[in-house]
PDB file of N, CA and C in Angstrom:
ATOM      1  N   MET A   1      -6.455   6.815  12.136  1.00  0.00           N
ATOM      2  CA  MET A   1      -5.816   5.631  12.066  1.00  0.00           C
ATOM      3  C   MET A   1      -4.717   5.318  13.217  1.00  0.00           C
ATOM      4  N   GLY A   2      -5.011   4.373  13.600  1.00  0.00           N
ATOM      5  CA  GLY A   2      -3.763   3.877  14.629  1.00  0.00           C
ATOM      6  C   GLY A   2      -2.250   3.273  14.094  1.00  0.00           C
ATOM      7  N   THR A   3      -1.303   3.623  15.159  1.00  0.00           N
ATOM      8  CA  THR A   3      -0.119   3.344  14.533  1.00  0.00           C
ATOM      9  C   THR A   3       0.530   2.256  15.840  1.00  0.00           C
ATOM     10  N   PHE A   4       1.230   0.737  15.731  1.00  0.00           N
ATOM     11  CA  PHE A   4       1.856   0.488  16.431  1.00  0.00           C
ATOM     12  C   PHE A   4       3.381   1.071  16.594  1.00  0.00           C
ATOM     13  N   GLU A   5       3.811   1.628  17.658  1.00  0.00           N
ATOM     14  CA  GLU A   5       5.397   1.755  17.689  1.00  0.00           C
ATOM     15  C   GLU A   5       6.286   0.771  17.940  1.00  0.00           C
ATOM     16  N   LYS A   6       7.183   0.560  17.201  1.00  0.00           N
ATOM     17  CA  LYS A   6       7.976  -0.659  18.042  1.00  0.00           C
ATOM     18  C   LYS A   6       9.415   0.000  18.342  1.00  0.00           C
ATOM     19  N   PHE A   7       9.556  -0.869  19.528  1.00  0.00           N
ATOM     20  CA  PHE A   7      11.090  -0.189  20.133  1.00  0.00           C
ATOM     21  C   PHE A   7      11.584  -0.900  21.149  1.00  0.00           C
ATOM     22  N   THR A   8      12.769  -0.702  21.087  1.00  0.00           N
ATOM     23  CA  THR A   8      13.380  -1.838  21.913  1.00  0.00           C
ATOM     24  C   THR A   8      13.793  -0.590  23.497  1.00  0.00           C
ATOM     25  N   ASP A   9      13.381  -1.296  24.609  1.00  0.00           N
ATOM     26  CA  ASP A   9      13.544  -0.724  26.019  1.00  0.00           C
ATOM     27  C   ASP A   9      14.770  -0.885  26.326  1.00  0.00           C
ATOM     28  N   LYS A  10      15.125  -0.274  27.647  1.00  0.00           N
ATOM     29  CA  LYS A  10      16.048   0.068  28.668  1.00  0.00           C
ATOM     30  C   LYS A  10      17.056  -1.359  28.698  1.00  0.00           C
ATOM     31  N   LYS A  11      16.293  -2.115  28.922  1.00  0.00           N
ATOM     32  CA  LYS A  11      16.751  -3.548  29.123  1.00  0.00           C
ATOM     33  C   LYS A  11      17.012  -4.710  27.968  1.00  0.00           C
ATOM     34  N   GLY A  12      16.696  -4.446  26.809  1.00  0.00           N
ATOM     35  CA  GLY A  12      16.982  -4.633  25.343  1.00  0.00           C
ATOM     36  C   GLY A  12      15.803  -5.562  25.046  1.00  0.00           C
ATOM     37  N   GLU A  13      15.096  -5.331  25.583  1.00  0.00           N
ATOM     38  CA  GLU A  13      13.368  -5.987  24.890  1.00  0.00           C
ATOM     39  C   GLU A  13      12.812  -5.450  24.336  1.00  0.00           C
ATOM     40  N   PHE A  14      12.289  -6.060  23.092  1.00  0.00           N
ATOM     41  CA  PHE A  14      11.636  -5.992  22.270  1.00  0.00           C
ATOM     42  C   PHE A  14       9.732  -5.436  22.373  1.00  0.00           C
ATOM     43  N   ARG A  15       9.936  -4.342  22.633  1.00  0.00           N
ATOM     44  CA  ARG A  15       7.909  -3.963  22.822  1.00  0.00           C
ATOM     45  C   ARG A  15       7.607  -3.068  21.639  1.00  0.00           C
ATOM     46  N   PHE A  16       6.118  -3.387  21.762  1.00  0.00           N
ATOM     47  CA  PHE A  16       5.141  -1.937  21.318  1.00  0.00           C
ATOM     48  C   PHE A  16       4.029  -1.430  21.989  1.00  0.00           C
ATOM     49  N   ARG A  17       4.046  -0.532  21.286  1.00  0.00           N
ATOM     50  CA  ARG A  17       2.487   0.250  21.804  1.00  0.00           C
ATOM     51  C   ARG A  17       1.554   0.606  20.795  1.00  0.00           C
ATOM     52  N   LEU A  18       0.282   0.811  20.970  1.00  0.00           N
ATOM     53  CA  LEU A  18      -0.786   0.884  19.981  1.00  0.00           C
ATOM     54  C   LEU A  18      -1.181   2.684  20.450  1.00  0.00           C
ATOM     55  N   LYS A  19      -1.175   3.155  19.356  1.00  0.00           N
ATOM     56  CA  LYS A  19      -1.071   4.807  19.482  1.00  0.00           C
ATOM     57  C   LYS A  19      -2.777   4.746  18.515  1.00  0.00           C
ATOM     58  N   ALA A  20      -3.654   5.740  19.339  1.00  0.00           N
ATOM     59  CA  ALA A  20      -4.742   5.905  18.419  1.00  0.00           C
ATOM     60  C   ALA A  20      -4.163   6.993  17.618  1.00  0.00           C
ATOM     61  N   GLY A  21      -4.947   7.724  16.586  1.00  0.00           N
ATOM     62  CA  GLY A  21      -4.879   8.283  15.848  1.00  0.00           C
ATOM     63  C   GLY A  21      -4.565  10.061  16.214  1.00  0.00           C
ATOM     64  N   ASN A  22      -4.957  10.174  17.541  1.00  0.00           N
ATOM     65  CA  ASN A  22      -4.431  11.782  18.111  1.00  0.00           C
ATOM     66  C   ASN A  22      -3.203  11.601  18.701  1.00  0.00           C
ATOM     67  N   GLY A  23      -2.483   9.988  18.819  1.00  0.00           N
ATOM     68  CA  GLY A  23      -1.398  10.364  19.561  1.00  0.00           C
ATOM     69  C   GLY A  23      -0.998   9.213  20.395  1.00  0.00           C
ATOM     70  N   GLU A  24      -2.616   9.391  21.531  1.00  0.00           N
ATOM     71  CA  GLU A  24      -2.922   8.763  22.705  1.00  0.00           C
ATOM     72  C   GLU A  24      -2.562   7.149  22.490  1.00  0.00           C
ATOM     73  N   ILE A  25      -1.427   6.744  23.713  1.00  0.00           N
ATOM     74  CA  ILE A  25      -1.446   5.367  23.809  1.00  0.00           C
ATOM     75  C   ILE A  25      -2.360   4.788  24.404  1.00  0.00           C
ATOM     76  N   ILE A  26      -2.920   3.380  23.810  1.00  0.00           N
ATOM     77  CA  ILE A  26      -4.266   3.023  23.978  1.00  0.00           C
ATOM     78  C   ILE A  26      -4.031   1.488  24.622  1.00  0.00           C
ATOM     79  N   LEU A  27      -2.860   0.761  24.364  1.00  0.00           N
ATOM     80  CA  LEU A  27      -2.338  -0.550  24.647  1.00  0.00           C
ATOM     81  C   LEU A  27      -0.756  -0.448  24.715  1.00  0.00           C
ATOM     82  N   ALA A  28      -0.375  -1.134  25.819  1.00  0.00           N
ATOM     83  CA  ALA A  28       1.178  -1.541  25.464  1.00  0.00           C
ATOM     84  C   ALA A  28       1.381  -2.968  25.668  1.00  0.00           C
ATOM     85  N   SER A  29       2.752  -3.738  25.231  1.00  0.00           N
ATOM     86  CA  SER A  29       2.905  -5.000  25.170  1.00  0.00           C
ATOM     87  C   SER A  29       3.801  -5.258  26.574  1.00  0.00           C
ATOM     88  N   GLN A  30       3.984  -6.531  26.688  1.00  0.00           N
ATOM     89  CA  GLN A  30       5.013  -6.575  27.405  1.00  0.00           C
ATOM     90  C   GLN A  30       6.623  -6.882  26.580  1.00  0.00           C
ATOM     91  N   GLY A  31       7.425  -7.301  27.356  1.00  0.00           N
ATOM     92  CA  GLY A  31       8.571  -7.302  26.801  1.00  0.00           C
ATOM     93  C   GLY A  31       8.711  -8.574  26.152  1.00  0.00           C
ATOM     94  N   TYR A  32       9.209  -8.347  25.039  1.00  0.00           N
ATOM     95  CA  TYR A  32       9.745  -9.690  24.122  1.00  0.00           C
ATOM     96  C   TYR A  32      11.224 -10.049  23.693  1.00  0.00           C
ATOM     97  N   THR A  33      11.871 -11.572  23.664  1.00  0.00           N
ATOM     98  CA  THR A  33      13.194 -11.677  23.661  1.00  0.00           C
ATOM     99  C   THR A  33      13.709 -11.325  22.147  1.00  0.00           C
ATOM    100  N   THR A  34      12.740 -11.415  21.077  1.00  0.00           N
ATOM    101  CA  THR A  34      13.257 -10.975  19.738  1.00  0.00           C
ATOM    102  C   THR A  34      12.378 -10.368  18.899  1.00  0.00           C
ATOM    103  N   ASN A  35      12.854  -9.794  17.912  1.00  0.00           N
ATOM    104  CA  ASN A  35      11.882  -8.852  17.320  1.00  0.00           C
ATOM    105  C   ASN A  35      10.626  -9.904  16.235  1.00  0.00           C
ATOM    106  N   ALA A  36      11.067 -11.246  16.158  1.00  0.00           N
ATOM    107  CA  ALA A  36      10.106 -11.857  15.875  1.00  0.00           C
ATOM    108  C   ALA A  36       8.604 -12.641  16.528  1.00  0.00           C
ATOM    109  N   ALA A  37       9.157 -12.301  18.012  1.00  0.00           N
ATOM    110  CA  ALA A  37       7.766 -12.794  18.857  1.00  0.00           C
ATOM    111  C   ALA A  37       7.555 -11.275  18.842  1.00  0.00           C
ATOM    112  N   ARG A  38       7.708  -9.969  19.024  1.00  0.00           N
ATOM    113  CA  ARG A  38       7.169  -8.727  19.289  1.00  0.00           C
ATOM    114  C   ARG A  38       6.571  -9.083  17.999  1.00  0.00           C
ATOM    115  N   ASP A  39       6.836  -9.252  16.832  1.00  0.00           N
ATOM    116  CA  ASP A  39       5.823  -8.856  15.411  1.00  0.00           C
ATOM    117  C   ASP A  39       4.638  -9.851  15.705  1.00  0.00           C
ATOM    118  N   ASN A  40       4.701 -11.040  15.977  1.00  0.00           N
ATOM    119  CA  ASN A  40       3.666 -12.255  16.152  1.00  0.00           C
ATOM    120  C   ASN A  40       2.789 -11.450  17.719  1.00  0.00           C
ATOM    121  N   GLY A  41       3.183 -11.057  18.154  1.00  0.00           N
ATOM    122  CA  GLY A  41       2.258 -10.321  19.289  1.00  0.00           C
ATOM    123  C   GLY A  41       1.193  -8.988  18.521  1.00  0.00           C
ATOM    124  N   ILE A  42       2.346  -7.895  17.631  1.00  0.00           N
ATOM    125  CA  ILE A  42       0.920  -7.313  16.787  1.00  0.00           C
ATOM    126  C   ILE A  42       0.537  -7.885  16.330  1.00  0.00           C
ATOM    127  N   GLU A  43       0.460  -9.129  15.373  1.00  0.00           N
ATOM    128  CA  GLU A  43      -0.258  -9.668  14.780  1.00  0.00           C
ATOM    129  C   GLU A  43      -1.640 -10.542  15.445  1.00  0.00           C
ATOM    130  N   SER A  44      -1.103 -11.089  16.651  1.00  0.00           N
ATOM    131  CA  SER A  44      -2.049 -10.870  17.377  1.00  0.00           C
ATOM    132  C   SER A  44      -2.903 -10.151  18.071  1.00  0.00           C
ATOM    133  N   VAL A  45      -2.712  -9.295  18.417  1.00  0.00           N
ATOM    134  CA  VAL A  45      -3.514  -7.892  18.679  1.00  0.00           C
ATOM    135  C   VAL A  45      -4.205  -7.659  17.740  1.00  0.00           C
ATOM    136  N   ARG A  46      -4.098  -7.523  16.361  1.00  0.00           N
ATOM    137  CA  ARG A  46      -4.967  -7.291  15.309  1.00  0.00           C
ATOM    138  C   ARG A  46      -5.767  -8.462  14.988  1.00  0.00           C
ATOM    139  N   LYS A  47      -5.543  -9.469  15.428  1.00  0.00           N
ATOM    140  CA  LYS A  47      -6.509 -10.494  14.955  1.00  0.00           C
ATOM    141  C   LYS A  47      -7.448 -10.595  16.396  1.00  0.00           C
ATOM    142  N   ASN A  48      -7.178 -10.278  17.468  1.00  0.00           N
ATOM    143  CA  ASN A  48      -7.913 -10.765  18.765  1.00  0.00           C
ATOM    144  C   ASN A  48      -8.745  -9.196  19.075  1.00  0.00           C
ATOM    145  N   ALA A  49      -8.131  -8.075  18.690  1.00  0.00           N
ATOM    146  CA  ALA A  49      -8.844  -6.595  18.963  1.00  0.00           C
ATOM    147  C   ALA A  49     -10.557  -6.770  19.170  1.00  0.00           C
ATOM    148  N   PRO A  50     -10.900  -7.040  17.800  1.00  0.00           N
ATOM    149  CA  PRO A  50     -12.146  -6.653  17.332  1.00  0.00           C
ATOM    150  C   PRO A  50     -13.297  -7.644  18.417  1.00  0.00           C
ATOM    151  N   ASP A  51     -12.387  -8.859  18.988  1.00  0.00           N
ATOM    152  CA  ASP A  51     -13.355  -9.761  19.567  1.00  0.00           C
ATOM    153  C   ASP A  51     -13.529  -9.071  21.090  1.00  0.00           C
ATOM    154  N   ASP A  52     -14.964  -9.004  21.619  1.00  0.00           N
ATOM    155  CA  ASP A  52     -14.898  -8.282  22.742  1.00  0.00           C
ATOM    156  C   ASP A  52     -14.676  -9.365  24.250  1.00  0.00           C
ATOM    157  N   ALA A  53     -14.942 -10.532  23.698  1.00  0.00           N
ATOM    158  CA  ALA A  53     -14.650 -11.739  24.561  1.00  0.00           C
ATOM    159  C   ALA A  53     -12.842 -11.701  25.254  1.00  0.00           C
ATOM    160  N   ARG A  54     -12.211 -10.954  24.162  1.00  0.00           N
ATOM    161  CA  ARG A  54     -10.799 -11.302  24.605  1.00  0.00           C
ATOM    162  C   ARG A  54     -10.306 -10.048  25.644  1.00  0.00           C
ATOM    163  N   TYR A  55     -11.160  -9.412  26.141  1.00  0.00           N
ATOM    164  CA  TYR A  55     -10.819  -8.270  26.566  1.00  0.00           C
ATOM    165  C   TYR A  55     -11.104  -8.445  28.372  1.00  0.00           C
ATOM    166  N   GLU A  56     -10.051  -8.772  29.604  1.00  0.00           N
ATOM    167  CA  GLU A  56     -10.039  -8.982  30.895  1.00  0.00           C
ATOM    168  C   GLU A  56     -10.519  -7.389  31.150  1.00  0.00           C
ATOM    169  N   ARG A  57     -11.669  -7.342  31.564  1.00  0.00           N
ATOM    170  CA  ARG A  57     -11.593  -5.763  32.361  1.00  0.00           C
ATOM    171  C   ARG A  57     -11.420  -6.167  33.762  1.00  0.00           C
ATOM    172  N   LYS A  58     -10.963  -4.785  34.225  1.00  0.00           N
ATOM    173  CA  LYS A  58      -9.988  -5.168  35.466  1.00  0.00           C
ATOM    174  C   LYS A  58     -10.733  -3.757  36.532  1.00  0.00           C
ATOM    175  N   GLN A  59     -10.659  -3.870  38.153  1.00  0.00           N
ATOM    176  CA  GLN A  59     -10.867  -2.761  38.554  1.00  0.00           C
ATOM    177  C   GLN A  59      -9.837  -2.747  39.787  1.00  0.00           C
ATOM    178  N   THR A  60      -9.103  -1.868  40.400  1.00  0.00           N
ATOM    179  CA  THR A  60      -8.441  -2.071  41.466  1.00  0.00           C
ATOM    180  C   THR A  60      -8.683  -0.880  42.113  1.00  0.00           C
ATOM    181  N   THR A  61      -8.257  -0.483  43.128  1.00  0.00           N
ATOM    182  CA  THR A  61      -7.948   0.992  44.072  1.00  0.00           C
ATOM    183  C   THR A  61      -7.668   2.156  43.464  1.00  0.00           C
ATOM    184  N   ALA A  62      -6.354   1.690  42.196  1.00  0.00           N
ATOM    185  CA  ALA A  62      -5.591   2.582  41.339  1.00  0.00           C
ATOM    186  C   ALA A  62      -6.806   2.956  40.381  1.00  0.00           C
ATOM    187  N   GLY A  63      -8.119   2.208  39.845  1.00  0.00           N
ATOM    188  CA  GLY A  63      -9.015   2.497  38.709  1.00  0.00           C
ATOM    189  C   GLY A  63      -9.334   1.535  37.861  1.00  0.00           C
ATOM    190  N   TYR A  64      -9.368   1.741  36.723  1.00  0.00           N
ATOM    191  CA  TYR A  64     -10.166   0.991  36.055  1.00  0.00           C
ATOM    192  C   TYR A  64      -9.048   0.663  34.863  1.00  0.00           C
ATOM    193  N   SER A  65      -9.009  -0.603  34.231  1.00  0.00           N
ATOM    194  CA  SER A  65      -7.972  -0.999  33.266  1.00  0.00           C
ATOM    195  C   SER A  65      -8.184  -2.278  32.488  1.00  0.00           C
ATOM    196  N   PHE A  66      -7.767  -2.316  31.688  1.00  0.00           N
ATOM    197  CA  PHE A  66      -8.056  -3.952  31.038  1.00  0.00           C
ATOM    198  C   PHE A  66      -6.797  -4.527  30.181  1.00  0.00           C
ATOM    199  N   ASN A  67      -6.922  -6.107  30.029  1.00  0.00           N
ATOM    200  CA  ASN A  67      -5.625  -6.815  29.236  1.00  0.00           C
ATOM    201  C   ASN A  67      -6.655  -7.213  27.730  1.00  0.00           C
ATOM    202  N   LEU A  68      -5.941  -7.406  26.677  1.00  0.00           N
ATOM    203  CA  LEU A  68      -6.413  -7.746  25.824  1.00  0.00           C
ATOM    204  C   LEU A  68      -5.905  -9.316  26.038  1.00  0.00           C
ATOM    205  N   LYS A  69      -6.528 -10.193  25.493  1.00  0.00           N
ATOM    206  CA  LYS A  69      -5.655 -11.706  25.772  1.00  0.00           C
ATOM    207  C   LYS A  69      -6.125 -12.348  24.196  1.00  0.00           C
ATOM    208  N   ALA A  70      -5.046 -13.287  24.072  1.00  0.00           N
ATOM    209  CA  ALA A  70      -4.843 -14.130  22.516  1.00  0.00           C
ATOM    210  C   ALA A  70      -5.894 -15.258  23.451  1.00  0.00           C
ATOM    211  N   ALA A  71      -6.318 -15.922  22.288  1.00  0.00           N
ATOM    212  CA  ALA A  71      -7.143 -17.146  22.609  1.00  0.00           C
ATOM    213  C   ALA A  71      -6.704 -18.206  23.418  1.00  0.00           C
ATOM    214  N   ASN A  72      -5.413 -18.363  23.502  1.00  0.00           N
ATOM    215  CA  ASN A  72      -4.670 -19.523  24.710  1.00  0.00           C
ATOM    216  C   ASN A  72      -4.884 -18.923  26.241  1.00  0.00           C
ATOM    217  N   GLY A  73      -5.306 -17.521  26.165  1.00  0.00           N
ATOM    218  CA  GLY A  73      -5.389 -16.714  27.388  1.00  0.00           C
ATOM    219  C   GLY A  73      -4.274 -15.511  27.956  1.00  0.00           C
ATOM    220  N   GLN A  74      -3.126 -15.877  27.049  1.00  0.00           N
ATOM    221  CA  GLN A  74      -1.950 -15.154  27.299  1.00  0.00           C
ATOM    222  C   GLN A  74      -2.252 -13.508  27.060  1.00  0.00           C
ATOM    223  N   VAL A  75      -1.602 -12.599  27.892  1.00  0.00           N
ATOM    224  CA  VAL A  75      -2.023 -11.437  27.720  1.00  0.00           C
ATOM    225  C   VAL A  75      -0.889 -10.943  26.539  1.00  0.00           C
ATOM    226  N   ILE A  76      -1.713  -9.727  25.747  1.00  0.00           N
ATOM    227  CA  ILE A  76      -1.014  -9.702  24.682  1.00  0.00           C
ATOM    228  C   ILE A  76      -1.196  -7.787  24.665  1.00  0.00           C
ATOM    229  N   GLY A  77      -1.558  -7.789  25.286  1.00  0.00           N
ATOM    230  CA  GLY A  77      -1.313  -5.894  25.748  1.00  0.00           C
ATOM    231  C   GLY A  77      -2.277  -5.699  26.951  1.00  0.00           C
ATOM    232  N   THR A  78      -1.669  -4.389  27.398  1.00  0.00           N
ATOM    233  CA  THR A  78      -2.430  -3.900  28.380  1.00  0.00           C
ATOM    234  C   THR A  78      -2.584  -2.413  28.753  1.00  0.00           C
ATOM    235  N   SER A  79      -3.845  -2.025  28.883  1.00  0.00           N
ATOM    236  CA  SER A  79      -4.186  -0.640  28.874  1.00  0.00           C
ATOM    237  C   SER A  79      -3.319   0.707  30.122  1.00  0.00           C
ATOM    238  N   GLU A  80      -3.303   1.688  29.905  1.00  0.00           N
ATOM    239  CA  GLU A  80      -3.630   2.359  31.104  1.00  0.00           C
ATOM    240  C   GLU A  80      -4.687   2.474  32.116  1.00  0.00           C
ATOM    241  N   VAL A  81      -4.051   3.029  33.405  1.00  0.00           N
ATOM    242  CA  VAL A  81      -5.739   2.916  34.438  1.00  0.00           C
ATOM    243  C   VAL A  81      -6.387   4.540  34.021  1.00  0.00           C
ATOM    244  N   TYR A  82      -7.643   3.899  33.965  1.00  0.00           N
ATOM    245  CA  TYR A  82      -8.403   5.164  33.719  1.00  0.00           C
ATOM    246  C   TYR A  82      -8.839   5.027  35.148  1.00  0.00           C
ATOM    247  N   LYS A  83      -9.829   6.365  35.436  1.00  0.00           N
ATOM    248  CA  LYS A  83     -10.446   6.680  36.405  1.00  0.00           C
ATOM    249  C   LYS A  83     -11.616   6.607  36.363  1.00  0.00           C
ATOM    250  N   SER A  84     -12.446   6.021  35.344  1.00  0.00           N
ATOM    251  CA  SER A  84     -13.925   5.762  35.275  1.00  0.00           C
ATOM    252  C   SER A  84     -14.088   4.540  34.377  1.00  0.00           C
ATOM    253  N   GLU A  85     -15.158   3.499  34.808  1.00  0.00           N
ATOM    254  CA  GLU A  85     -15.585   2.570  34.298  1.00  0.00           C
ATOM    255  C   GLU A  85     -15.678   2.865  32.579  1.00  0.00           C
ATOM    256  N   ALA A  86     -16.358   3.842  32.489  1.00  0.00           N
ATOM    257  CA  ALA A  86     -16.868   4.521  31.182  1.00  0.00           C
ATOM    258  C   ALA A  86     -15.464   4.594  29.901  1.00  0.00           C
ATOM    259  N   SER A  87     -14.639   5.574  30.923  1.00  0.00           N
ATOM    260  CA  SER A  87     -13.168   5.847  30.243  1.00  0.00           C
ATOM    261  C   SER A  87     -12.303   4.421  29.465  1.00  0.00           C
ATOM    262  N   ARG A  88     -12.489   3.584  30.317  1.00  0.00           N
ATOM    263  CA  ARG A  88     -12.112   2.273  30.173  1.00  0.00           C
ATOM    264  C   ARG A  88     -12.696   1.261  29.108  1.00  0.00           C
ATOM    265  N   GLU A  89     -13.942   1.821  29.157  1.00  0.00           N
ATOM    266  CA  GLU A  89     -14.734   1.017  27.848  1.00  0.00           C
ATOM    267  C   GLU A  89     -14.233   1.883  26.530  1.00  0.00           C
ATOM    268  N   SER A  90     -14.224   2.980  26.874  1.00  0.00           N
ATOM    269  CA  SER A  90     -14.167   4.104  25.742  1.00  0.00           C
ATOM    270  C   SER A  90     -12.529   3.732  24.933  1.00  0.00           C
ATOM    271  N   GLY A  91     -11.660   3.019  25.998  1.00  0.00           N
ATOM    272  CA  GLY A  91     -10.620   2.715  25.523  1.00  0.00           C
ATOM    273  C   GLY A  91     -10.343   1.370  24.994  1.00  0.00           C
ATOM    274  N   ILE A  92     -11.420   0.515  25.304  1.00  0.00           N
ATOM    275  CA  ILE A  92     -11.584  -0.745  24.773  1.00  0.00           C
ATOM    276  C   ILE A  92     -11.873  -0.693  23.367  1.00  0.00           C
ATOM    277  N   GLU A  93     -12.603   0.303  22.862  1.00  0.00           N
ATOM    278  CA  GLU A  93     -13.546   0.779  21.810  1.00  0.00           C
ATOM    279  C   GLU A  93     -12.551   1.412  20.862  1.00  0.00           C
ATOM    280  N   SER A  94     -11.883   2.171  21.591  1.00  0.00           N
ATOM    281  CA  SER A  94     -10.465   2.653  20.494  1.00  0.00           C
ATOM    282  C   SER A  94      -9.261   1.648  20.107  1.00  0.00           C
ATOM    283  N   VAL A  95      -9.017   0.555  21.029  1.00  0.00           N
ATOM    284  CA  VAL A  95      -8.099  -0.455  20.301  1.00  0.00           C
ATOM    285  C   VAL A  95      -9.227  -1.322  19.443  1.00  0.00           C
ATOM    286  N   LYS A  96     -10.115  -1.648  19.612  1.00  0.00           N
ATOM    287  CA  LYS A  96     -11.065  -2.291  18.520  1.00  0.00           C
ATOM    288  C   LYS A  96     -10.892  -1.790  17.005  1.00  0.00           C
ATOM    289  N   ARG A  97     -11.604  -0.183  17.221  1.00  0.00           N
ATOM    290  CA  ARG A  97     -11.528   0.497  15.693  1.00  0.00           C
ATOM    291  C   ARG A  97      -9.793   0.660  15.486  1.00  0.00           C
ATOM    292  N   ASN A  98      -8.901   0.717  16.267  1.00  0.00           N
ATOM    293  CA  ASN A  98      -7.470   1.524  15.377  1.00  0.00           C
ATOM    294  C   ASN A  98      -6.587  -0.037  15.294  1.00  0.00           C
ATOM    295  N   ALA A  99      -6.762  -1.169  16.050  1.00  0.00           N
ATOM    296  CA  ALA A  99      -5.374  -2.366  16.096  1.00  0.00           C
ATOM    297  C   ALA A  99      -5.431  -2.742  14.462  1.00  0.00           C
ATOM    298  N   PRO A 100      -6.933  -3.173  14.045  1.00  0.00           N
ATOM    299  CA  PRO A 100      -6.706  -4.163  12.871  1.00  0.00           C
ATOM    300  C   PRO A 100      -6.028  -3.531  11.564  1.00  0.00           C
ATOM    301  N   GLU A 101      -6.246  -2.395  11.631  1.00  0.00           N
ATOM    302  CA  GLU A 101      -5.553  -1.746  10.113  1.00  0.00           C
ATOM    303  C   GLU A 101      -4.429  -0.846  10.769  1.00  0.00           C
ATOM    304  N   ALA A 102      -3.854  -0.806  11.610  1.00  0.00           N
ATOM    305  CA  ALA A 102      -3.101   0.154  12.126  1.00  0.00           C
ATOM    306  C   ALA A 102      -1.561  -0.109  11.633  1.00  0.00           C
ATOM    307  N   GLY A 103      -1.038   0.912  11.089  1.00  0.00           N
ATOM    308  CA  GLY A 103       0.405   0.788  10.602  1.00  0.00           C
ATOM    309  C   GLY A 103       1.515   0.661  11.585  1.00  0.00           C
ATOM    310  N   GLU A 104       2.928   0.621  11.030  1.00  0.00           N
ATOM    311  CA  GLU A 104       4.094  -0.234  12.252  1.00  0.00           C
ATOM    312  C   GLU A 104       5.050   1.381  11.951  1.00  0.00           C
ATOM    313  N   VAL A 105       5.295   1.533  13.055  1.00  0.00           N
ATOM    314  CA  VAL A 105       7.050   2.435  12.831  1.00  0.00           C
ATOM    315  C   VAL A 105       7.744   2.026  13.980  1.00  0.00           C
ATOM    316  N   GLU A 106       8.933   1.929  13.528  1.00  0.00           N
ATOM    317  CA  GLU A 106      10.121   1.985  14.277  1.00  0.00           C
ATOM    318  C   GLU A 106      10.197   3.123  15.179  1.00  0.00           C
ATOM    319  N   VAL A 107      10.551   3.234  16.467  1.00  0.00           N
ATOM    320  CA  VAL A 107      10.791   4.465  17.136  1.00  0.00           C
ATOM    321  C   VAL A 107      11.934   4.125  18.175  1.00  0.00           C
TER     322      VAL A 107
END
């Protein structure tokens, strides 16, 4: 099962990252100004993760990545850059599996 790690970055912004059961980071958030806003972001990931239509698949010269978007189109999580399209799709499937039931921990 996955875990949402909640933390404060060097700028004082509140962030989260979703880790798969193997400890790999599979999704990272933007910076939020409050704990409550970050927690709302986590709930939005849980709600939207199962819906394939919420994933924006991207390709650049650096590789393949994706954004998870809320119903209003706002990006709520971003992936790492993958070397192949197949790896990106595996990353999306991992978010779909892990996010809905993921626990939370402060780090």
